[in-house]
Each structure stands twice: as C-alpha cells, then as structure tokens.
C-alpha cells in the first residue's frame, strides 16, 4: 500500500497520476466528484486514503475541509503533508477538460507540474479517455 505520509511530492504525483491513468475516468456520481465513487473509482485524493480510514462523511467536503474537520484521517493518510499538491490534483480530477483527450490530460498535468517543480510521469502519456467522459 502506498504511504503518502512518508512519500515525496514527486512520489505522490507519480502515484496519483498512475492511478488516474489506470482508472481512466473521474470518480463521480454524475453530479459531483467523489472520493469514492461507483464501481470502485477513487478521485486523486481518495486513492491516497486507505480503506480502513475512509468514511462516507468525507464526501461533499473539499480537501481543505477534510484537513480541518477530519484531522486524524488527513494526518494518517498524509493528506495534510501534501495539501498544496493534492489541492491541485483534486482540481485536475474535477475538471472535465482534463479527461476529454490525451492532449488535455497531459497539458493540464504539465501546467501543474511546472508550478510545483515536478516531472510528469511517463504513464500520463498513455492516458486514453473512456467514451462518455
């Protein structure tokens, strides 16, 4: 199991991007994005929350709210440590533009990575949108 609490920002970025590429779609109920969604999907932040820490009460809360209101979960999952990066990845996940094409997916990641001095992992260039995104 990946441990964001001990990981570097680059390792978190690589892990989350890899998760999103393999998943191939947003974690959403069709209305809003979810930390844990239908068919086992997880958002950019949700994939870092171990199953034993996840609770339904997290849904509907922004990352900032989770870090403030669910401090124990946020600390144990390493969310607070990487809050700035995860906030951007959450925005990336929630943006429909990010998912429409490989070009949009990579362009958005390149923008975020430049601002955070990170390198886009190679797996990002393999992203293929699922139909309906």
N, C-alpha and C. Protein backbone atom coordinates (compact mmCIF):
# COMPACT_ATOMS: atom_id res chain seq x y z
N UNK A 1 0.84 -1.18 0.00
CA UNK A 1 0.00 0.00 0.00
C UNK A 1 0.88 1.24 0.00
N UNK A 2 0.56 2.18 -0.86
CA UNK A 2 1.30 3.43 -0.96
C UNK A 2 1.06 4.27 0.29
N UNK A 3 2.12 4.87 0.82
CA UNK A 3 2.02 5.68 2.03
C UNK A 3 2.42 7.11 1.73
N UNK A 4 1.43 7.98 1.55
CA UNK A 4 1.69 9.38 1.22
C UNK A 4 2.38 10.11 2.36
N UNK A 5 2.22 9.62 3.55
CA UNK A 5 2.80 10.27 4.72
C UNK A 5 4.33 10.25 4.67
N UNK A 6 4.90 9.20 4.10
CA UNK A 6 6.36 9.08 4.01
C UNK A 6 6.89 9.38 2.62
N UNK A 7 6.02 9.63 1.66
CA UNK A 7 6.42 9.84 0.27
C UNK A 7 6.81 11.30 0.00
N UNK A 8 7.63 11.47 -1.03
CA UNK A 8 7.95 12.81 -1.50
C UNK A 8 6.81 13.32 -2.36
N UNK A 9 6.82 14.59 -2.66
CA UNK A 9 5.79 15.17 -3.54
C UNK A 9 5.83 14.50 -4.91
N UNK A 10 7.01 14.23 -5.44
CA UNK A 10 7.11 13.58 -6.75
C UNK A 10 6.52 12.18 -6.70
N UNK A 11 6.78 11.46 -5.63
CA UNK A 11 6.23 10.10 -5.50
C UNK A 11 4.71 10.14 -5.40
N UNK A 12 4.16 11.11 -4.69
CA UNK A 12 2.70 11.25 -4.61
C UNK A 12 2.14 11.59 -5.99
N UNK A 13 2.76 12.52 -6.68
CA UNK A 13 2.33 12.92 -8.02
C UNK A 13 2.34 11.71 -8.95
N UNK A 14 3.42 10.96 -8.95
CA UNK A 14 3.53 9.77 -9.81
C UNK A 14 2.44 8.75 -9.47
N UNK A 15 2.22 8.51 -8.19
CA UNK A 15 1.23 7.53 -7.76
C UNK A 15 -0.17 7.94 -8.18
N UNK A 16 -0.53 9.19 -7.92
CA UNK A 16 -1.88 9.66 -8.24
C UNK A 16 -2.10 9.67 -9.75
N UNK A 17 -1.15 10.15 -10.51
CA UNK A 17 -1.29 10.17 -11.97
C UNK A 17 -1.43 8.75 -12.49
N UNK A 18 -0.61 7.84 -11.99
CA UNK A 18 -0.73 6.44 -12.40
C UNK A 18 -2.10 5.87 -12.10
N UNK A 19 -2.60 6.16 -10.91
CA UNK A 19 -3.94 5.71 -10.53
C UNK A 19 -4.99 6.25 -11.51
N UNK A 20 -4.92 7.53 -11.80
CA UNK A 20 -5.93 8.14 -12.68
C UNK A 20 -5.85 7.60 -14.10
N UNK A 21 -4.64 7.37 -14.59
CA UNK A 21 -4.49 6.80 -15.94
C UNK A 21 -5.08 5.39 -15.98
N UNK A 22 -4.76 4.57 -14.99
CA UNK A 22 -5.28 3.20 -14.98
C UNK A 22 -6.80 3.18 -14.81
N UNK A 23 -7.31 4.08 -14.01
CA UNK A 23 -8.76 4.15 -13.79
C UNK A 23 -9.46 4.67 -15.04
N UNK A 24 -8.87 5.65 -15.69
CA UNK A 24 -9.36 6.14 -16.97
C UNK A 24 -10.60 7.02 -16.93
N UNK A 25 -11.06 7.38 -15.76
CA UNK A 25 -12.26 8.21 -15.64
C UNK A 25 -12.31 8.85 -14.27
N UNK A 26 -13.14 9.91 -14.19
CA UNK A 26 -13.35 10.56 -12.89
C UNK A 26 -14.14 9.66 -11.96
N UNK A 27 -13.96 9.89 -10.69
CA UNK A 27 -14.77 9.24 -9.67
C UNK A 27 -15.94 10.18 -9.41
N UNK A 28 -17.09 9.84 -9.97
CA UNK A 28 -18.22 10.76 -9.95
C UNK A 28 -19.53 10.00 -9.91
N UNK A 29 -20.53 10.65 -9.33
CA UNK A 29 -21.88 10.09 -9.33
C UNK A 29 -22.71 10.70 -10.46
N UNK A 30 -22.06 11.42 -11.37
CA UNK A 30 -22.77 12.08 -12.46
C UNK A 30 -23.15 13.51 -12.13
N UNK A 31 -23.10 13.85 -10.86
CA UNK A 31 -23.41 15.21 -10.41
C UNK A 31 -22.13 15.89 -9.93
N UNK A 32 -21.43 15.23 -9.05
CA UNK A 32 -20.20 15.78 -8.50
C UNK A 32 -19.15 14.70 -8.37
N UNK A 33 -17.94 15.13 -8.10
CA UNK A 33 -16.85 14.18 -7.92
C UNK A 33 -16.86 13.63 -6.50
N UNK A 34 -16.37 12.41 -6.38
CA UNK A 34 -16.42 11.69 -5.12
C UNK A 34 -15.05 11.13 -4.76
N UNK A 35 -14.75 11.11 -3.47
CA UNK A 35 -13.52 10.46 -3.02
C UNK A 35 -13.57 8.98 -3.37
N UNK A 36 -14.76 8.38 -3.17
CA UNK A 36 -15.00 7.00 -3.56
C UNK A 36 -16.30 6.98 -4.35
N UNK A 37 -16.21 6.53 -5.57
CA UNK A 37 -17.38 6.56 -6.43
C UNK A 37 -17.84 5.18 -6.86
N UNK A 38 -18.73 5.17 -7.84
CA UNK A 38 -19.27 3.90 -8.34
C UNK A 38 -18.18 3.01 -8.93
N UNK A 39 -18.41 1.73 -8.89
CA UNK A 39 -17.51 0.75 -9.49
C UNK A 39 -16.10 0.80 -8.95
N UNK A 40 -15.96 1.23 -7.70
CA UNK A 40 -14.64 1.24 -7.07
C UNK A 40 -13.74 2.40 -7.48
N UNK A 41 -14.29 3.39 -8.16
CA UNK A 41 -13.46 4.53 -8.56
C UNK A 41 -13.06 5.37 -7.36
N UNK A 42 -11.91 6.01 -7.49
CA UNK A 42 -11.39 6.89 -6.44
C UNK A 42 -10.83 8.13 -7.12
N UNK A 43 -11.04 9.27 -6.48
CA UNK A 43 -10.50 10.51 -7.04
C UNK A 43 -9.01 10.64 -6.74
N UNK A 44 -8.42 11.75 -7.16
CA UNK A 44 -6.99 11.99 -6.97
C UNK A 44 -6.58 12.01 -5.51
N UNK A 45 -7.48 12.38 -4.63
CA UNK A 45 -7.20 12.37 -3.19
C UNK A 45 -7.69 11.06 -2.59
N UNK A 46 -8.83 10.59 -3.02
CA UNK A 46 -9.42 9.36 -2.48
C UNK A 46 -8.52 8.15 -2.63
N UNK A 47 -7.71 8.12 -3.68
CA UNK A 47 -6.82 6.97 -3.88
C UNK A 47 -5.72 6.91 -2.83
N UNK A 48 -5.52 8.00 -2.09
CA UNK A 48 -4.50 8.04 -1.04
C UNK A 48 -5.05 7.70 0.34
N UNK A 49 -6.37 7.62 0.44
CA UNK A 49 -7.00 7.33 1.73
C UNK A 49 -7.18 5.81 1.85
N UNK A 50 -6.45 5.19 2.76
CA UNK A 50 -6.61 3.74 2.92
C UNK A 50 -8.05 3.37 3.29
N UNK A 51 -8.47 2.20 2.86
CA UNK A 51 -9.84 1.75 3.11
C UNK A 51 -10.20 1.83 4.59
N UNK A 52 -9.25 1.49 5.47
CA UNK A 52 -9.56 1.50 6.90
C UNK A 52 -9.75 2.91 7.47
N UNK A 53 -9.34 3.94 6.73
CA UNK A 53 -9.53 5.32 7.19
C UNK A 53 -10.72 6.01 6.52
N UNK A 54 -11.14 5.49 5.39
CA UNK A 54 -12.22 6.14 4.64
C UNK A 54 -13.55 6.03 5.39
N UNK A 55 -14.29 7.16 5.41
CA UNK A 55 -15.66 7.17 5.93
C UNK A 55 -16.53 7.97 4.97
N UNK A 56 -17.79 7.59 4.85
CA UNK A 56 -18.71 8.28 3.94
C UNK A 56 -18.83 9.77 4.23
N UNK A 57 -18.61 10.16 5.47
CA UNK A 57 -18.76 11.57 5.86
C UNK A 57 -17.76 12.49 5.14
N UNK A 58 -16.72 11.93 4.53
CA UNK A 58 -15.76 12.74 3.78
C UNK A 58 -16.37 13.33 2.51
N UNK A 59 -17.33 12.61 1.95
CA UNK A 59 -17.94 13.04 0.69
C UNK A 59 -18.60 14.41 0.85
N UNK A 60 -18.44 15.22 -0.17
CA UNK A 60 -19.02 16.56 -0.16
C UNK A 60 -18.12 17.61 0.46
N UNK A 61 -16.98 17.17 0.99
CA UNK A 61 -16.04 18.10 1.62
C UNK A 61 -14.83 18.30 0.71
N UNK A 62 -14.38 19.53 0.61
CA UNK A 62 -13.15 19.81 -0.13
C UNK A 62 -11.96 19.26 0.66
N UNK A 63 -10.82 19.22 0.02
CA UNK A 63 -9.61 18.75 0.69
C UNK A 63 -9.31 19.61 1.91
N UNK A 64 -9.45 20.92 1.78
CA UNK A 64 -9.23 21.81 2.92
C UNK A 64 -10.13 21.48 4.08
N UNK A 65 -11.41 21.22 3.78
CA UNK A 65 -12.36 20.84 4.83
C UNK A 65 -11.95 19.52 5.48
N UNK A 66 -11.52 18.57 4.66
CA UNK A 66 -11.10 17.27 5.21
C UNK A 66 -9.90 17.47 6.14
N UNK A 67 -8.93 18.29 5.70
CA UNK A 67 -7.75 18.53 6.54
C UNK A 67 -8.10 19.25 7.83
N UNK A 68 -9.13 20.10 7.80
CA UNK A 68 -9.54 20.83 9.00
C UNK A 68 -10.50 20.05 9.90
N UNK A 69 -11.47 19.39 9.28
CA UNK A 69 -12.54 18.75 10.05
C UNK A 69 -12.30 17.28 10.37
N UNK A 70 -11.44 16.64 9.58
CA UNK A 70 -11.13 15.22 9.77
C UNK A 70 -9.61 15.08 9.92
N UNK A 71 -9.06 15.83 10.86
CA UNK A 71 -7.60 15.94 11.02
C UNK A 71 -6.92 14.59 11.20
N UNK A 72 -7.51 13.71 11.97
CA UNK A 72 -6.89 12.42 12.23
C UNK A 72 -6.74 11.63 10.93
N UNK A 73 -7.79 11.61 10.13
CA UNK A 73 -7.75 10.90 8.84
C UNK A 73 -6.73 11.57 7.93
N UNK A 74 -6.79 12.90 7.83
CA UNK A 74 -5.88 13.64 6.95
C UNK A 74 -4.42 13.42 7.34
N UNK A 75 -4.14 13.42 8.63
CA UNK A 75 -2.76 13.21 9.08
C UNK A 75 -2.30 11.78 8.81
N UNK A 76 -3.12 10.80 9.15
CA UNK A 76 -2.74 9.40 8.96
C UNK A 76 -2.57 9.05 7.48
N UNK A 77 -3.35 9.69 6.60
CA UNK A 77 -3.27 9.40 5.17
C UNK A 77 -2.20 10.25 4.47
N UNK A 78 -1.61 11.20 5.18
CA UNK A 78 -0.59 12.06 4.58
C UNK A 78 -1.15 13.18 3.74
N UNK A 79 -2.43 13.46 3.87
CA UNK A 79 -3.07 14.49 3.04
C UNK A 79 -2.60 15.89 3.42
N UNK A 80 -2.47 16.14 4.68
CA UNK A 80 -2.04 17.46 5.15
C UNK A 80 -0.62 17.76 4.67
N UNK A 81 0.25 16.78 4.71
CA UNK A 81 1.64 16.95 4.29
C UNK A 81 1.72 17.42 2.85
N UNK A 82 0.83 16.93 2.00
CA UNK A 82 0.87 17.24 0.56
C UNK A 82 -0.34 18.06 0.13
N UNK A 83 -0.87 18.86 1.02
CA UNK A 83 -2.13 19.56 0.75
C UNK A 83 -2.08 20.43 -0.50
N UNK A 84 -1.02 21.18 -0.70
CA UNK A 84 -0.92 22.07 -1.88
C UNK A 84 -0.97 21.26 -3.18
N UNK A 85 -0.17 20.22 -3.26
CA UNK A 85 -0.16 19.35 -4.43
C UNK A 85 -1.51 18.67 -4.62
N UNK A 86 -2.08 18.14 -3.55
CA UNK A 86 -3.34 17.41 -3.66
C UNK A 86 -4.50 18.33 -4.01
N UNK A 87 -4.44 19.56 -3.55
CA UNK A 87 -5.48 20.52 -3.94
C UNK A 87 -5.47 20.69 -5.46
N UNK A 88 -4.31 20.79 -6.04
CA UNK A 88 -4.20 20.94 -7.50
C UNK A 88 -4.62 19.67 -8.22
N UNK A 89 -4.24 18.53 -7.68
CA UNK A 89 -4.66 17.27 -8.30
C UNK A 89 -6.16 17.06 -8.17
N UNK A 90 -6.75 17.52 -7.08
CA UNK A 90 -8.20 17.44 -6.93
C UNK A 90 -8.87 18.32 -7.99
N UNK A 91 -8.36 19.51 -8.20
CA UNK A 91 -8.89 20.39 -9.24
C UNK A 91 -8.75 19.73 -10.61
N UNK A 92 -7.58 19.14 -10.86
CA UNK A 92 -7.35 18.43 -12.11
C UNK A 92 -8.38 17.32 -12.30
N UNK A 93 -8.59 16.52 -11.27
CA UNK A 93 -9.54 15.41 -11.33
C UNK A 93 -10.95 15.92 -11.61
N UNK A 94 -11.32 17.02 -10.98
CA UNK A 94 -12.69 17.53 -11.09
C UNK A 94 -12.98 18.24 -12.40
N UNK A 95 -11.95 18.63 -13.13
CA UNK A 95 -12.12 19.35 -14.39
C UNK A 95 -12.44 18.40 -15.54
N UNK A 96 -13.57 18.60 -16.19
CA UNK A 96 -13.93 17.73 -17.31
C UNK A 96 -12.95 17.87 -18.47
N UNK A 97 -12.32 19.04 -18.61
CA UNK A 97 -11.34 19.24 -19.69
C UNK A 97 -10.18 18.25 -19.57
N UNK A 98 -9.79 17.94 -18.36
CA UNK A 98 -8.66 17.05 -18.12
C UNK A 98 -8.89 15.66 -18.71
N UNK A 99 -10.13 15.24 -18.82
CA UNK A 99 -10.46 13.86 -19.18
C UNK A 99 -10.86 13.66 -20.63
N UNK A 100 -11.06 14.74 -21.39
CA UNK A 100 -11.62 14.61 -22.75
C UNK A 100 -10.66 14.02 -23.76
N UNK A 101 -9.38 14.27 -23.59
CA UNK A 101 -8.40 13.78 -24.56
C UNK A 101 -7.06 13.57 -23.88
N UNK A 102 -6.21 12.80 -24.53
CA UNK A 102 -4.87 12.61 -24.01
C UNK A 102 -4.14 13.96 -23.95
N UNK A 103 -4.33 14.77 -24.96
CA UNK A 103 -3.68 16.08 -25.01
C UNK A 103 -4.12 16.96 -23.82
N UNK A 104 -5.41 17.00 -23.55
CA UNK A 104 -5.91 17.78 -22.42
C UNK A 104 -5.41 17.27 -21.09
N UNK A 105 -5.38 15.95 -20.96
CA UNK A 105 -4.90 15.30 -19.74
C UNK A 105 -3.45 15.70 -19.47
N UNK A 106 -2.61 15.54 -20.48
CA UNK A 106 -1.18 15.82 -20.33
C UNK A 106 -0.92 17.32 -20.18
N UNK A 107 -1.63 18.15 -20.95
CA UNK A 107 -1.44 19.59 -20.87
C UNK A 107 -1.72 20.11 -19.47
N UNK A 108 -2.81 19.66 -18.89
CA UNK A 108 -3.14 20.08 -17.52
C UNK A 108 -2.08 19.61 -16.53
N UNK A 109 -1.62 18.38 -16.65
CA UNK A 109 -0.59 17.87 -15.75
C UNK A 109 0.72 18.63 -15.91
N UNK A 110 1.07 18.95 -17.14
CA UNK A 110 2.30 19.71 -17.37
C UNK A 110 2.21 21.08 -16.72
N UNK A 111 1.05 21.72 -16.80
CA UNK A 111 0.86 23.02 -16.18
C UNK A 111 1.06 22.92 -14.66
N UNK A 112 0.41 21.95 -14.04
CA UNK A 112 0.54 21.79 -12.59
C UNK A 112 1.97 21.42 -12.19
N UNK A 113 2.58 20.53 -12.96
CA UNK A 113 3.92 20.07 -12.59
C UNK A 113 4.94 21.20 -12.67
N UNK A 114 4.83 22.06 -13.66
CA UNK A 114 5.76 23.20 -13.77
C UNK A 114 5.67 24.10 -12.54
N UNK A 115 4.45 24.37 -12.11
CA UNK A 115 4.26 25.26 -10.96
C UNK A 115 4.72 24.65 -9.65
N UNK A 116 4.85 23.34 -9.61
CA UNK A 116 5.26 22.67 -8.37
C UNK A 116 6.66 22.04 -8.48
N UNK A 117 7.35 22.31 -9.60
CA UNK A 117 8.69 21.76 -9.84
C UNK A 117 8.70 20.23 -9.79
N UNK A 118 7.71 19.64 -10.45
CA UNK A 118 7.61 18.19 -10.55
C UNK A 118 7.71 17.77 -12.00
N UNK A 119 7.97 16.51 -12.23
CA UNK A 119 8.06 15.95 -13.58
C UNK A 119 6.82 15.08 -13.83
N UNK A 120 6.19 15.28 -14.98
CA UNK A 120 5.04 14.46 -15.35
C UNK A 120 5.53 13.03 -15.59
N UNK A 121 4.94 12.05 -14.91
CA UNK A 121 5.38 10.67 -15.12
C UNK A 121 5.02 10.17 -16.52
N UNK A 122 5.84 9.29 -17.03
CA UNK A 122 5.66 8.76 -18.38
C UNK A 122 4.28 8.13 -18.59
N UNK A 123 3.73 7.52 -17.56
CA UNK A 123 2.42 6.86 -17.70
C UNK A 123 1.34 7.84 -18.14
N UNK A 124 1.49 9.13 -17.84
CA UNK A 124 0.49 10.13 -18.23
C UNK A 124 0.29 10.16 -19.74
N UNK A 125 1.35 9.89 -20.47
CA UNK A 125 1.30 9.96 -21.94
C UNK A 125 0.60 8.75 -22.55
N UNK A 126 0.19 7.81 -21.71
CA UNK A 126 -0.54 6.64 -22.20
C UNK A 126 -2.05 6.76 -21.95
N UNK A 127 -2.47 7.85 -21.32
CA UNK A 127 -3.89 8.03 -20.98
C UNK A 127 -4.76 7.96 -22.24
N UNK A 128 -5.84 7.20 -22.15
CA UNK A 128 -6.83 7.11 -23.21
C UNK A 128 -8.21 7.35 -22.58
N UNK A 129 -8.93 8.38 -23.03
CA UNK A 129 -10.23 8.67 -22.43
C UNK A 129 -11.24 7.56 -22.71
N UNK A 130 -12.06 7.31 -21.71
CA UNK A 130 -13.16 6.37 -21.90
C UNK A 130 -14.28 7.12 -22.61
N UNK A 131 -15.11 6.43 -23.34
CA UNK A 131 -16.22 7.08 -24.02
C UNK A 131 -17.17 7.64 -22.99
N UNK A 132 -17.75 8.78 -23.29
CA UNK A 132 -18.71 9.40 -22.40
C UNK A 132 -18.11 10.40 -21.44
N UNK A 133 -16.78 10.50 -21.38
CA UNK A 133 -16.16 11.48 -20.47
C UNK A 133 -16.20 12.85 -21.09
